[in-house]
Amino acid sequence: MYPYSTLSAAAKEVRLLTLMPGCDNDPIEASLSTESLHGGSIYEALSYVWGSTGNKPNITLDGVTFAITQNLHAALKRLRLQHQSRLLWVDAICINQDDTSEKSSQVAMMSEIYSKTTKGLLWLG
């Protein structure tokens, strides 16, 4: 299980995903950082169809194996850049899905999360 850090709702903290560069068949590697929405980070938000929750492929997140949906895996493979990292907000990874309180707090901030992006990305699969 991934060791999520605690977010401060008062400081409007979110986690951002750094998607490491790679080519088509390279394994997906990424890391999470905690940032304030008021910190001025330049990031893109990915909106996508979650799809089936069965047969989940893995990515490496901060050195830890992390299961994601097939559709998200396809999106990250397609969106990663070959020679530089990409900073994203992806709900299924950036929000601790096992923490009901955190999910509630982050969902309440979603309009602000999306409004602070430089670009919204849409993946239908």
N, C-alpha and C. Protein backbone atom coordinates (compact mmCIF):
# COMPACT_ATOMS: atom_id res chain seq x y z
N MET A 1 0.84 -1.19 0.00
CA MET A 1 0.00 0.00 0.00
C MET A 1 0.89 1.24 0.00
N TYR A 2 0.49 2.23 -0.79
CA TYR A 2 1.27 3.46 -0.90
C TYR A 2 1.15 4.28 0.39
N PRO A 3 2.27 4.79 0.90
CA PRO A 3 2.25 5.58 2.16
C PRO A 3 1.93 7.06 1.92
N TYR A 4 0.66 7.37 1.75
CA TYR A 4 0.26 8.76 1.53
C TYR A 4 0.59 9.63 2.73
N SER A 5 1.05 10.85 2.47
CA SER A 5 1.23 11.85 3.52
C SER A 5 -0.13 12.48 3.79
N THR A 6 -0.26 13.13 4.95
CA THR A 6 -1.50 13.80 5.31
C THR A 6 -1.55 15.18 4.66
N LEU A 7 -2.70 15.52 4.11
CA LEU A 7 -2.89 16.83 3.50
C LEU A 7 -3.57 17.78 4.48
N SER A 8 -3.22 19.06 4.39
CA SER A 8 -3.86 20.08 5.20
C SER A 8 -4.98 20.74 4.39
N ALA A 9 -6.22 20.52 4.82
CA ALA A 9 -7.35 21.15 4.13
C ALA A 9 -7.31 22.66 4.33
N ALA A 10 -6.88 23.10 5.51
CA ALA A 10 -6.81 24.54 5.80
C ALA A 10 -5.83 25.25 4.87
N ALA A 11 -4.73 24.57 4.53
CA ALA A 11 -3.73 25.16 3.63
C ALA A 11 -4.04 24.89 2.17
N LYS A 12 -5.19 24.23 1.92
CA LYS A 12 -5.60 23.86 0.55
C LYS A 12 -4.51 23.09 -0.16
N GLU A 13 -4.01 22.05 0.52
CA GLU A 13 -2.96 21.23 -0.07
C GLU A 13 -3.55 20.16 -0.98
N VAL A 14 -2.82 19.87 -2.03
CA VAL A 14 -3.13 18.80 -2.96
C VAL A 14 -1.83 18.05 -3.27
N ARG A 15 -1.98 16.88 -3.83
CA ARG A 15 -0.81 16.15 -4.31
C ARG A 15 -0.77 16.30 -5.82
N LEU A 16 0.43 16.47 -6.35
CA LEU A 16 0.62 16.53 -7.80
C LEU A 16 1.52 15.37 -8.21
N LEU A 17 1.21 14.80 -9.35
CA LEU A 17 1.92 13.66 -9.88
C LEU A 17 2.95 14.11 -10.90
N THR A 18 4.19 13.76 -10.67
CA THR A 18 5.23 13.98 -11.67
C THR A 18 5.37 12.70 -12.45
N LEU A 19 4.96 12.75 -13.71
CA LEU A 19 5.05 11.60 -14.61
C LEU A 19 6.41 11.66 -15.28
N MET A 20 7.24 10.64 -15.01
CA MET A 20 8.60 10.61 -15.54
C MET A 20 8.58 10.33 -17.04
N PRO A 21 9.59 10.83 -17.74
CA PRO A 21 9.64 10.60 -19.19
C PRO A 21 9.83 9.12 -19.51
N GLY A 22 9.43 8.76 -20.70
CA GLY A 22 9.61 7.38 -21.14
C GLY A 22 9.09 7.17 -22.54
N CYS A 23 9.41 6.03 -23.10
CA CYS A 23 8.95 5.63 -24.43
C CYS A 23 7.81 4.64 -24.28
N ASP A 24 7.23 4.26 -25.40
CA ASP A 24 6.03 3.43 -25.45
C ASP A 24 6.01 2.24 -24.49
N ASN A 25 7.01 1.40 -24.54
CA ASN A 25 6.98 0.17 -23.76
C ASN A 25 7.69 0.26 -22.42
N ASP A 26 8.24 1.42 -22.09
CA ASP A 26 8.88 1.59 -20.79
C ASP A 26 7.84 1.50 -19.68
N PRO A 27 8.21 0.94 -18.53
CA PRO A 27 7.27 0.96 -17.39
C PRO A 27 6.98 2.41 -16.99
N ILE A 28 5.79 2.64 -16.46
CA ILE A 28 5.41 3.98 -16.02
C ILE A 28 5.97 4.23 -14.62
N GLU A 29 6.71 5.31 -14.49
CA GLU A 29 7.26 5.72 -13.21
C GLU A 29 6.80 7.14 -12.91
N ALA A 30 6.48 7.37 -11.64
CA ALA A 30 5.98 8.68 -11.24
C ALA A 30 6.31 8.93 -9.77
N SER A 31 6.11 10.17 -9.35
CA SER A 31 6.26 10.52 -7.93
C SER A 31 5.19 11.52 -7.56
N LEU A 32 4.90 11.60 -6.27
CA LEU A 32 3.91 12.55 -5.76
C LEU A 32 4.60 13.62 -4.92
N SER A 33 4.12 14.84 -5.03
CA SER A 33 4.57 15.92 -4.17
C SER A 33 3.34 16.61 -3.61
N THR A 34 3.47 17.19 -2.43
CA THR A 34 2.38 17.92 -1.79
C THR A 34 2.61 19.40 -1.99
N GLU A 35 1.58 20.10 -2.46
CA GLU A 35 1.69 21.51 -2.75
C GLU A 35 0.41 22.23 -2.35
N SER A 36 0.53 23.50 -2.06
CA SER A 36 -0.64 24.33 -1.81
C SER A 36 -1.20 24.79 -3.16
N LEU A 37 -2.51 24.87 -3.25
CA LEU A 37 -3.12 25.39 -4.47
C LEU A 37 -2.73 26.84 -4.71
N HIS A 38 -2.26 27.51 -3.68
CA HIS A 38 -1.85 28.91 -3.79
C HIS A 38 -0.36 29.04 -4.09
N GLY A 39 0.32 27.89 -4.27
CA GLY A 39 1.76 27.89 -4.47
C GLY A 39 2.21 28.26 -5.87
N GLY A 40 1.32 28.25 -6.82
CA GLY A 40 1.68 28.68 -8.17
C GLY A 40 2.30 27.59 -9.04
N SER A 41 2.22 26.33 -8.65
CA SER A 41 2.75 25.27 -9.49
C SER A 41 2.00 25.22 -10.81
N ILE A 42 2.72 24.92 -11.86
CA ILE A 42 2.13 24.81 -13.19
C ILE A 42 1.87 23.33 -13.45
N TYR A 43 0.59 22.97 -13.53
CA TYR A 43 0.23 21.57 -13.72
C TYR A 43 -0.99 21.46 -14.63
N GLU A 44 -1.19 20.25 -15.13
CA GLU A 44 -2.35 19.93 -15.96
C GLU A 44 -3.21 18.95 -15.17
N ALA A 45 -4.51 19.00 -15.38
CA ALA A 45 -5.42 18.06 -14.72
C ALA A 45 -5.94 17.07 -15.76
N LEU A 46 -5.92 15.81 -15.39
CA LEU A 46 -6.41 14.76 -16.28
C LEU A 46 -7.80 14.32 -15.83
N SER A 47 -8.74 14.43 -16.75
CA SER A 47 -10.09 13.94 -16.53
C SER A 47 -10.28 12.75 -17.46
N TYR A 48 -10.79 11.64 -16.94
CA TYR A 48 -10.86 10.42 -17.74
C TYR A 48 -11.96 9.52 -17.20
N VAL A 49 -12.33 8.55 -18.00
CA VAL A 49 -13.28 7.53 -17.59
C VAL A 49 -12.50 6.48 -16.81
N TRP A 50 -12.91 6.21 -15.57
CA TRP A 50 -12.17 5.24 -14.76
C TRP A 50 -12.15 3.87 -15.41
N GLY A 51 -13.26 3.44 -15.98
CA GLY A 51 -13.33 2.14 -16.64
C GLY A 51 -13.37 0.99 -15.64
N SER A 52 -13.10 -0.20 -16.13
CA SER A 52 -13.15 -1.42 -15.33
C SER A 52 -12.14 -1.37 -14.20
N THR A 53 -12.54 -1.89 -13.05
CA THR A 53 -11.61 -1.94 -11.90
C THR A 53 -10.95 -3.30 -11.78
N GLY A 54 -11.25 -4.22 -12.70
CA GLY A 54 -10.61 -5.53 -12.69
C GLY A 54 -9.30 -5.49 -13.46
N ASN A 55 -8.43 -6.46 -13.21
CA ASN A 55 -7.15 -6.60 -13.92
C ASN A 55 -6.38 -5.29 -13.98
N LYS A 56 -5.99 -4.79 -12.84
CA LYS A 56 -5.32 -3.50 -12.74
C LYS A 56 -3.82 -3.61 -13.03
N PRO A 57 -3.33 -2.84 -14.00
CA PRO A 57 -1.88 -2.80 -14.22
C PRO A 57 -1.21 -1.96 -13.14
N ASN A 58 0.08 -2.12 -13.01
CA ASN A 58 0.84 -1.39 -11.98
C ASN A 58 1.72 -0.31 -12.61
N ILE A 59 1.94 0.73 -11.83
CA ILE A 59 2.97 1.72 -12.12
C ILE A 59 3.89 1.73 -10.91
N THR A 60 5.01 2.41 -11.03
CA THR A 60 5.90 2.61 -9.89
C THR A 60 5.73 4.05 -9.42
N LEU A 61 5.28 4.20 -8.19
CA LEU A 61 5.02 5.52 -7.61
C LEU A 61 5.94 5.70 -6.42
N ASP A 62 6.92 6.58 -6.55
CA ASP A 62 7.92 6.80 -5.50
C ASP A 62 8.56 5.48 -5.08
N GLY A 63 8.83 4.61 -6.05
CA GLY A 63 9.48 3.34 -5.77
C GLY A 63 8.56 2.24 -5.27
N VAL A 64 7.26 2.54 -5.14
CA VAL A 64 6.27 1.59 -4.62
C VAL A 64 5.36 1.16 -5.76
N THR A 65 5.04 -0.13 -5.82
CA THR A 65 4.11 -0.63 -6.82
C THR A 65 2.71 -0.11 -6.49
N PHE A 66 2.04 0.45 -7.51
CA PHE A 66 0.75 1.11 -7.31
C PHE A 66 -0.17 0.67 -8.44
N ALA A 67 -1.32 0.08 -8.11
CA ALA A 67 -2.27 -0.41 -9.11
C ALA A 67 -3.20 0.71 -9.56
N ILE A 68 -3.42 0.78 -10.88
CA ILE A 68 -4.35 1.76 -11.46
C ILE A 68 -5.24 1.03 -12.48
N THR A 69 -6.27 1.71 -12.94
CA THR A 69 -7.16 1.09 -13.93
C THR A 69 -6.47 1.01 -15.29
N GLN A 70 -6.98 0.12 -16.13
CA GLN A 70 -6.45 -0.04 -17.49
C GLN A 70 -6.53 1.28 -18.26
N ASN A 71 -7.66 1.99 -18.12
CA ASN A 71 -7.85 3.23 -18.86
C ASN A 71 -6.87 4.31 -18.41
N LEU A 72 -6.63 4.42 -17.12
CA LEU A 72 -5.66 5.39 -16.63
C LEU A 72 -4.26 5.02 -17.09
N HIS A 73 -3.94 3.74 -17.07
CA HIS A 73 -2.63 3.27 -17.54
C HIS A 73 -2.42 3.68 -19.00
N ALA A 74 -3.43 3.47 -19.83
CA ALA A 74 -3.34 3.85 -21.24
C ALA A 74 -3.16 5.36 -21.39
N ALA A 75 -3.88 6.13 -20.60
CA ALA A 75 -3.78 7.59 -20.65
C ALA A 75 -2.37 8.05 -20.27
N LEU A 76 -1.83 7.52 -19.19
CA LEU A 76 -0.49 7.93 -18.75
C LEU A 76 0.58 7.55 -19.76
N LYS A 77 0.44 6.36 -20.37
CA LYS A 77 1.40 5.95 -21.41
C LYS A 77 1.36 6.92 -22.58
N ARG A 78 0.16 7.33 -22.96
CA ARG A 78 0.01 8.21 -24.12
C ARG A 78 0.42 9.66 -23.80
N LEU A 79 0.18 10.09 -22.57
CA LEU A 79 0.44 11.49 -22.21
C LEU A 79 1.87 11.77 -21.77
N ARG A 80 2.60 10.72 -21.36
CA ARG A 80 3.96 11.02 -20.90
C ARG A 80 4.83 11.47 -22.07
N LEU A 81 5.76 12.32 -21.72
CA LEU A 81 6.67 12.88 -22.71
C LEU A 81 7.93 12.03 -22.77
N GLN A 82 8.60 12.07 -23.90
CA GLN A 82 9.76 11.20 -24.08
C GLN A 82 11.00 11.73 -23.36
N HIS A 83 11.16 13.05 -23.28
CA HIS A 83 12.42 13.59 -22.76
C HIS A 83 12.29 14.49 -21.54
N GLN A 84 11.07 14.69 -21.06
CA GLN A 84 10.92 15.52 -19.86
C GLN A 84 9.72 15.05 -19.06
N SER A 85 9.73 15.37 -17.79
CA SER A 85 8.62 14.97 -16.92
C SER A 85 7.41 15.87 -17.18
N ARG A 86 6.27 15.43 -16.67
CA ARG A 86 5.03 16.18 -16.84
C ARG A 86 4.32 16.21 -15.49
N LEU A 87 3.88 17.39 -15.05
CA LEU A 87 3.22 17.56 -13.77
C LEU A 87 1.71 17.53 -13.96
N LEU A 88 1.05 16.56 -13.31
CA LEU A 88 -0.38 16.33 -13.48
C LEU A 88 -1.10 16.24 -12.15
N TRP A 89 -2.39 16.52 -12.19
CA TRP A 89 -3.28 16.18 -11.08
C TRP A 89 -4.21 15.11 -11.63
N VAL A 90 -4.19 13.94 -10.99
CA VAL A 90 -4.99 12.79 -11.42
C VAL A 90 -5.71 12.26 -10.18
N ASP A 91 -7.02 12.40 -10.12
CA ASP A 91 -7.76 12.09 -8.90
C ASP A 91 -7.48 10.71 -8.31
N ALA A 92 -7.43 9.67 -9.13
CA ALA A 92 -7.28 8.31 -8.62
C ALA A 92 -5.93 8.08 -7.94
N ILE A 93 -4.94 8.89 -8.27
CA ILE A 93 -3.61 8.76 -7.67
C ILE A 93 -3.36 9.85 -6.65
N CYS A 94 -3.74 11.06 -6.95
CA CYS A 94 -3.42 12.20 -6.08
C CYS A 94 -4.29 12.26 -4.83
N ILE A 95 -5.45 11.62 -4.87
CA ILE A 95 -6.31 11.54 -3.69
C ILE A 95 -6.20 10.14 -3.12
N ASN A 96 -5.98 10.04 -1.82
CA ASN A 96 -5.95 8.73 -1.16
C ASN A 96 -7.37 8.16 -1.17
N GLN A 97 -7.62 7.20 -2.04
CA GLN A 97 -8.96 6.65 -2.23
C GLN A 97 -9.44 5.83 -1.04
N ASP A 98 -8.53 5.48 -0.13
CA ASP A 98 -8.89 4.72 1.07
C ASP A 98 -9.22 5.62 2.27
N ASP A 99 -9.11 6.93 2.10
CA ASP A 99 -9.35 7.88 3.19
C ASP A 99 -10.60 8.70 2.86
N THR A 100 -11.72 8.34 3.46
CA THR A 100 -13.00 8.98 3.18
C THR A 100 -12.98 10.47 3.48
N SER A 101 -12.34 10.85 4.57
CA SER A 101 -12.27 12.25 4.96
C SER A 101 -11.48 13.06 3.92
N GLU A 102 -10.36 12.51 3.50
CA GLU A 102 -9.55 13.20 2.49
C GLU A 102 -10.31 13.31 1.17
N LYS A 103 -10.95 12.23 0.76
CA LYS A 103 -11.71 12.26 -0.49
C LYS A 103 -12.77 13.36 -0.45
N SER A 104 -13.47 13.45 0.65
CA SER A 104 -14.52 14.46 0.80
C SER A 104 -13.94 15.87 0.70
N SER A 105 -12.84 16.09 1.38
CA SER A 105 -12.18 17.40 1.37
C SER A 105 -11.66 17.76 -0.03
N GLN A 106 -11.04 16.79 -0.71
CA GLN A 106 -10.49 17.05 -2.03
C GLN A 106 -11.60 17.26 -3.07
N VAL A 107 -12.67 16.49 -2.98
CA VAL A 107 -13.79 16.66 -3.91
C VAL A 107 -14.38 18.05 -3.75
N ALA A 108 -14.45 18.55 -2.53
CA ALA A 108 -14.97 19.90 -2.28
C ALA A 108 -14.09 20.97 -2.92
N MET A 109 -12.81 20.65 -3.14
CA MET A 109 -11.87 21.61 -3.74
C MET A 109 -11.69 21.41 -5.25
N MET A 110 -12.40 20.45 -5.83
CA MET A 110 -12.15 20.12 -7.23
C MET A 110 -12.31 21.28 -8.20
N SER A 111 -13.30 22.12 -8.00
CA SER A 111 -13.45 23.25 -8.93
C SER A 111 -12.22 24.16 -8.87
N GLU A 112 -11.68 24.34 -7.68
CA GLU A 112 -10.48 25.17 -7.54
C GLU A 112 -9.26 24.45 -8.11
N ILE A 113 -9.18 23.14 -7.89
CA ILE A 113 -8.07 22.35 -8.45
C ILE A 113 -8.04 22.50 -9.97
N TYR A 114 -9.21 22.34 -10.59
CA TYR A 114 -9.28 22.46 -12.05
C TYR A 114 -9.06 23.90 -12.51
N SER A 115 -9.51 24.87 -11.75
CA SER A 115 -9.36 26.27 -12.18
C SER A 115 -7.90 26.73 -12.13
N LYS A 116 -7.07 26.07 -11.35
CA LYS A 116 -5.66 26.45 -11.23
C LYS A 116 -4.76 25.78 -12.27
N THR A 117 -5.33 24.91 -13.10
CA THR A 117 -4.53 24.20 -14.09
C THR A 117 -4.16 25.10 -15.27
N THR A 118 -3.09 24.73 -15.94
CA THR A 118 -2.75 25.41 -17.18
C THR A 118 -3.50 24.80 -18.34
N LYS A 119 -3.89 23.53 -18.17
CA LYS A 119 -4.59 22.83 -19.24
C LYS A 119 -5.37 21.66 -18.64
N GLY A 120 -6.56 21.47 -19.12
CA GLY A 120 -7.33 20.30 -18.75
C GLY A 120 -7.21 19.26 -19.85
N LEU A 121 -6.86 18.04 -19.47
CA LEU A 121 -6.71 16.95 -20.43
C LEU A 121 -7.87 16.00 -20.28
N LEU A 122 -8.43 15.56 -21.38
CA LEU A 122 -9.58 14.65 -21.36
C LEU A 122 -9.19 13.37 -22.07
N TRP A 123 -9.37 12.23 -21.40
CA TRP A 123 -9.04 10.93 -21.97
C TRP A 123 -10.28 10.06 -21.92
N LEU A 124 -10.76 9.65 -23.09
CA LEU A 124 -11.95 8.80 -23.15
C LEU A 124 -11.58 7.34 -23.35
N GLY A 125 -10.35 7.06 -23.74
CA GLY A 125 -9.92 5.67 -23.91
C GLY A 125 -9.95 5.24 -25.33
